[in-house]
Amino acid sequence: MNPAEVTQAALPLPSADVSLIALFLQAHWIVKCVMLGLLACSVWVWAIAIDKILLYGRTRRAMDRFEQAFWSGESIEELYRSLSVKPTYTMAACFVAAMREWKRSFESQAPSFAGLQMRIEKVMNVSIAREIERLERRLLVLATVGSAGPFVGLFGTVWGIMSSFQSIAASKNTSLAVVAPGIAEALFATAIGLIAAIPATIFYNKFTTEVNRQAQRLEGFADEFSAILSRQIDELSRQIDERPSSSGREDRYIGQKSVSGRP
């Protein structure tokens, strides 16, 4: 063996920089793109999570305030007038939609109760669907990042390992000091994918449960308010049947009555 080769083999190999920044800078450009994309997804996930936490907190407080006002004994007409002049959400939006349909039914010269209950239920269902859609907005992003993030990171890892093997073949050196940096760069992409995917999955499950809980509250209020209006419709129908009026003035008076019948 050539003494020069023996001496060179005995020399310590230069230590490779395996810091996170160095791993990113030394990675293949495709792996860099994967890392940057996953980091952007991670930031987006946290931004959505913070926005949803604040949104669901406001929604819960708004529901609590509305339920307190609705069941406090305050006149429904006064509550409707106070809510109809400003944008409403959640239960208040459902209530305003139902009351608006109730009042439209009495704007004609000959008010009729035919199909009124069904129309009120339909407008409340539409209002609930809109609120649920508002609460679920951008949750699909969390689901996508949570399910696809690890696979995107795995793609970066596979590509990085392929590049490392190509470098090993070119240098004809299989020592651990040569192999380790390339493998570490590749595995770094998987780590970033997990960093993006794990919070996304946790937040998606948490927010989905919260949306279902708030949807149940909305549907429960809609059922209760629909029952109240149904009793009122039956009462007004009996009044019209028992006291018919040829001029129709009495019917119009009944149509302008305040909604009552809350337990």
Protein backbone atom coordinates (compact mmCIF):
# COMPACT_ATOMS: atom_id res chain seq x y z
CA MET A 1 0.00 0.00 0.00
CA ASN A 2 1.24 3.45 -0.80
CA PRO A 3 2.43 5.16 2.40
CA ALA A 4 0.80 8.40 1.26
CA GLU A 5 -2.57 6.68 1.02
CA VAL A 6 -2.14 5.15 4.48
CA THR A 7 -1.26 8.52 5.92
CA GLN A 8 -4.24 10.18 4.23
CA ALA A 9 -6.62 7.47 5.48
CA ALA A 10 -5.32 7.93 9.01
CA LEU A 11 -6.03 11.65 9.00
CA PRO A 12 -9.31 12.65 10.74
CA LEU A 13 -12.09 13.64 8.37
CA PRO A 14 -13.29 17.22 8.59
CA SER A 15 -16.38 17.48 10.80
CA ALA A 16 -19.58 18.20 8.89
CA ASP A 17 -21.91 20.97 10.00
CA VAL A 18 -25.23 19.35 10.88
CA SER A 19 -27.03 22.36 12.32
CA LEU A 20 -30.59 22.91 11.10
CA ILE A 21 -29.67 25.93 9.01
CA ALA A 22 -26.73 24.08 7.48
CA LEU A 23 -28.91 21.09 6.71
CA PHE A 24 -31.33 23.35 4.87
CA LEU A 25 -28.63 25.21 2.95
CA GLN A 26 -26.84 22.02 1.92
CA ALA A 27 -30.00 20.22 0.80
CA HIS A 28 -30.95 19.67 -2.83
CA TRP A 29 -33.09 22.46 -4.29
CA ILE A 30 -36.11 20.17 -4.58
CA VAL A 31 -35.77 19.26 -0.91
CA LYS A 32 -35.47 22.97 -0.10
CA CYS A 33 -38.74 23.65 -1.93
CA VAL A 34 -40.43 20.88 0.04
CA MET A 35 -39.14 22.29 3.32
CA LEU A 36 -40.21 25.83 2.50
CA GLY A 37 -43.65 24.64 1.41
CA LEU A 38 -44.12 22.66 4.63
CA LEU A 39 -42.96 25.58 6.75
CA ALA A 40 -45.45 27.84 4.96
CA CYS A 41 -48.19 25.28 5.61
CA SER A 42 -47.22 25.14 9.27
CA VAL A 43 -47.49 28.92 9.61
CA TRP A 44 -50.84 28.84 7.79
CA VAL A 45 -52.12 26.11 10.11
CA TRP A 46 -51.27 28.13 13.21
CA ALA A 47 -52.83 31.27 11.73
CA ILE A 48 -56.06 29.37 11.02
CA ALA A 49 -55.98 27.81 14.49
CA ILE A 50 -55.64 31.18 16.24
CA ASP A 51 -58.41 32.66 14.09
CA LYS A 52 -60.74 29.73 14.82
CA ILE A 53 -60.07 29.79 18.55
CA LEU A 54 -61.03 33.47 18.66
CA LEU A 55 -64.03 32.93 16.35
CA TYR A 56 -65.48 30.03 18.32
CA GLY A 57 -64.97 31.92 21.57
CA ARG A 58 -66.90 34.92 20.20
CA THR A 59 -69.60 32.60 18.86
CA ARG A 60 -70.11 30.90 22.22
CA ARG A 61 -70.34 34.22 24.02
CA ALA A 62 -72.78 35.56 21.41
CA MET A 63 -74.99 32.49 21.82
CA ASP A 64 -74.93 32.85 25.60
CA ARG A 65 -75.89 36.54 25.41
CA PHE A 66 -78.70 35.87 22.95
CA GLU A 67 -80.14 32.99 24.95
CA GLN A 68 -80.04 35.11 28.08
CA ALA A 69 -81.91 37.94 26.31
CA PHE A 70 -84.37 35.60 24.60
CA TRP A 71 -85.39 33.73 27.74
CA SER A 72 -85.27 36.77 30.02
CA GLY A 73 -88.93 37.64 29.33
CA GLU A 74 -88.15 40.58 27.05
CA SER A 75 -90.68 41.15 24.27
CA ILE A 76 -89.74 39.25 21.14
CA GLU A 77 -90.80 42.25 19.05
CA GLU A 78 -88.37 44.50 20.90
CA LEU A 79 -85.63 41.89 20.61
CA TYR A 80 -86.28 41.60 16.87
CA ARG A 81 -86.19 45.38 16.37
CA SER A 82 -82.89 45.65 18.23
CA LEU A 83 -81.28 42.81 16.25
CA SER A 84 -82.67 43.51 12.79
CA VAL A 85 -80.83 46.83 12.44
CA LYS A 86 -77.35 45.30 12.70
CA PRO A 87 -75.53 42.27 11.27
CA THR A 88 -76.36 39.13 13.20
CA TYR A 89 -74.75 35.72 13.49
CA THR A 90 -75.45 32.31 15.04
CA MET A 91 -78.72 32.18 17.01
CA ALA A 92 -79.51 35.83 16.44
CA ALA A 93 -79.32 35.33 12.66
CA CYS A 94 -81.64 32.33 12.89
CA PHE A 95 -84.08 34.30 15.04
CA VAL A 96 -84.08 37.35 12.77
CA ALA A 97 -84.62 35.20 9.66
CA ALA A 98 -87.61 33.47 11.25
CA MET A 99 -89.16 36.73 12.48
CA ARG A 100 -88.65 38.40 9.12
CA GLU A 101 -90.52 35.56 7.41
CA TRP A 102 -93.23 35.78 10.08
CA LYS A 103 -93.76 39.47 9.43
CA ARG A 104 -93.70 39.10 5.65
CA SER A 105 -96.61 36.69 5.91
CA PHE A 106 -98.79 39.51 7.33
CA GLU A 107 -97.77 42.27 4.91
CA SER A 108 -100.41 41.26 2.37
CA GLN A 109 -103.99 42.42 2.59
CA ALA A 110 -105.19 38.87 3.25
CA PRO A 111 -102.70 37.17 5.55
CA SER A 112 -102.65 33.41 5.34
CA PHE A 113 -101.15 30.80 7.62
CA ALA A 114 -100.98 28.13 4.92
CA GLY A 115 -97.41 26.85 4.75
CA LEU A 116 -96.16 29.50 7.20
CA GLN A 117 -94.69 26.94 9.58
CA MET A 118 -92.84 25.22 6.76
CA ARG A 119 -91.47 28.51 5.40
CA ILE A 120 -90.22 29.53 8.82
CA GLU A 121 -88.49 26.19 9.31
CA LYS A 122 -86.88 26.45 5.88
CA VAL A 123 -85.47 29.95 6.47
CA MET A 124 -84.10 28.84 9.84
CA ASN A 125 -82.49 25.78 8.25
CA VAL A 126 -80.90 27.99 5.59
CA SER A 127 -79.64 30.35 8.28
CA ILE A 128 -78.18 27.46 10.28
CA ALA A 129 -76.49 26.07 7.14
CA ARG A 130 -74.88 29.46 6.49
CA GLU A 131 -73.63 29.70 10.05
CA ILE A 132 -72.16 26.20 9.94
CA GLU A 133 -70.47 27.03 6.64
CA ARG A 134 -68.98 30.15 8.22
CA LEU A 135 -67.72 28.15 11.19
CA GLU A 136 -66.25 25.41 8.98
CA ARG A 137 -64.46 27.77 6.60
CA ARG A 138 -60.80 26.82 6.04
CA LEU A 139 -61.06 23.66 8.13
CA LEU A 140 -60.40 21.74 4.92
CA VAL A 141 -56.92 23.28 4.89
CA LEU A 142 -56.19 21.71 8.28
CA ALA A 143 -57.46 18.33 7.08
CA THR A 144 -55.35 18.52 3.92
CA VAL A 145 -52.15 19.50 5.73
CA GLY A 146 -52.75 16.90 8.41
CA SER A 147 -53.18 14.08 5.92
CA ALA A 148 -50.77 15.11 3.15
CA GLY A 149 -48.01 16.81 5.18
CA PRO A 150 -46.15 13.62 6.22
CA PHE A 151 -46.24 12.27 2.67
CA VAL A 152 -44.87 15.52 1.25
CA GLY A 153 -42.08 15.39 3.82
CA LEU A 154 -41.47 11.76 2.91
CA PHE A 155 -41.12 12.77 -0.73
CA GLY A 156 -38.42 15.24 0.27
CA THR A 157 -36.72 12.54 2.34
CA VAL A 158 -36.70 10.06 -0.54
CA TRP A 159 -35.32 12.65 -2.91
CA GLY A 160 -32.65 13.66 -0.42
CA ILE A 161 -31.56 10.06 0.13
CA MET A 162 -31.32 9.55 -3.62
CA SER A 163 -29.11 12.62 -3.91
CA SER A 164 -26.97 11.36 -1.01
CA PHE A 165 -26.42 8.00 -2.68
CA GLN A 166 -25.46 9.72 -5.89
CA SER A 167 -22.91 11.82 -3.98
CA ILE A 168 -21.55 8.71 -2.26
CA ALA A 169 -21.15 6.97 -5.61
CA ALA A 170 -19.39 9.97 -7.06
CA SER A 171 -16.98 10.36 -4.12
CA LYS A 172 -16.44 6.57 -3.73
CA ASN A 173 -16.36 7.04 0.02
CA THR A 174 -18.83 5.19 2.23
CA SER A 175 -17.65 6.39 5.63
CA LEU A 176 -20.27 7.53 8.12
CA ALA A 177 -18.90 11.07 8.11
CA VAL A 178 -19.72 11.32 4.42
CA VAL A 179 -23.09 9.54 4.55
CA ALA A 180 -24.53 11.13 7.72
CA PRO A 181 -24.99 14.75 6.53
CA GLY A 182 -26.93 13.73 3.43
CA ILE A 183 -29.19 11.38 5.39
CA ALA A 184 -29.76 14.06 8.03
CA GLU A 185 -30.79 16.55 5.33
CA ALA A 186 -33.28 14.05 3.96
CA LEU A 187 -34.78 13.21 7.35
CA PHE A 188 -35.09 16.91 8.15
CA ALA A 189 -37.80 17.17 5.48
CA THR A 190 -39.83 14.43 7.18
CA ALA A 191 -39.46 16.18 10.52
CA ILE A 192 -40.82 19.43 9.07
CA GLY A 193 -43.70 17.50 7.51
CA LEU A 194 -44.61 16.08 10.92
CA ILE A 195 -44.28 19.51 12.52
CA ALA A 196 -46.89 20.80 10.08
CA ALA A 197 -49.16 17.73 10.10
CA ILE A 198 -49.46 16.94 13.82
CA PRO A 199 -50.89 20.33 14.94
CA ALA A 200 -53.12 20.42 11.85
CA THR A 201 -54.66 17.06 12.74
CA ILE A 202 -55.14 18.00 16.39
CA PHE A 203 -56.73 21.34 15.55
CA TYR A 204 -58.96 19.82 12.89
CA ASN A 205 -60.38 17.25 15.31
CA LYS A 206 -60.86 19.86 18.03
CA PHE A 207 -62.54 22.39 15.73
CA THR A 208 -64.77 19.78 14.10
CA THR A 209 -66.05 18.81 17.53
CA GLU A 210 -66.62 22.48 18.38
CA VAL A 211 -68.55 23.10 15.15
CA ASN A 212 -70.77 20.07 15.83
CA ARG A 213 -71.44 21.29 19.36
CA GLN A 214 -72.43 24.76 18.20
CA ALA A 215 -74.51 23.32 15.35
CA GLN A 216 -76.45 21.26 17.91
CA ARG A 217 -77.12 24.42 19.93
CA LEU A 218 -78.39 26.19 16.82
CA GLU A 219 -80.64 23.31 15.85
CA GLY A 220 -81.96 23.04 19.39
CA PHE A 221 -82.87 26.72 19.46
CA ALA A 222 -84.47 26.45 16.02
CA ASP A 223 -86.66 23.58 17.24
CA GLU A 224 -87.70 25.48 20.35
CA PHE A 225 -88.49 28.68 18.46
CA SER A 226 -90.34 26.73 15.78
CA ALA A 227 -92.51 25.19 18.50
CA ILE A 228 -93.24 28.66 19.91
CA LEU A 229 -94.26 29.99 16.51
CA SER A 230 -96.32 26.88 15.84
CA ARG A 231 -98.35 27.47 19.00
CA GLN A 232 -98.80 31.11 17.99
CA ILE A 233 -99.99 30.12 14.52
CA ASP A 234 -102.53 27.72 16.01
CA GLU A 235 -103.77 30.43 18.37
CA LEU A 236 -104.18 32.98 15.60
CA SER A 237 -105.90 30.42 13.38
CA ARG A 238 -108.44 29.69 16.13
CA GLN A 239 -109.09 33.40 16.60
CA ILE A 240 -109.76 33.82 12.89
CA ASP A 241 -112.08 30.79 12.84
CA GLU A 242 -114.00 31.87 15.94
CA ARG A 243 -114.34 35.56 15.03
CA PRO A 244 -114.66 35.91 11.27
CA SER A 245 -114.59 39.46 9.92
CA SER A 246 -116.08 40.48 6.59
CA SER A 247 -113.95 43.59 6.29
CA GLY A 248 -110.70 41.83 7.06
CA ARG A 249 -109.65 44.49 9.55
CA GLU A 250 -109.65 42.04 12.40
CA ASP A 251 -107.43 39.64 10.45
CA ARG A 252 -104.94 42.40 9.81
CA TYR A 253 -105.00 43.30 13.49
CA ILE A 254 -104.26 39.73 14.46
CA GLY A 255 -101.41 39.64 11.98
CA GLN A 256 -99.76 42.59 13.69
CA LYS A 257 -99.84 40.99 17.13
CA SER A 258 -96.58 40.36 18.88
CA VAL A 259 -95.31 36.86 18.94
CA SER A 260 -95.75 35.31 22.35
CA GLY A 261 -96.05 31.90 23.85
CA ARG A 262 -92.59 31.44 25.31
CA PRO A 263 -92.70 29.14 28.33
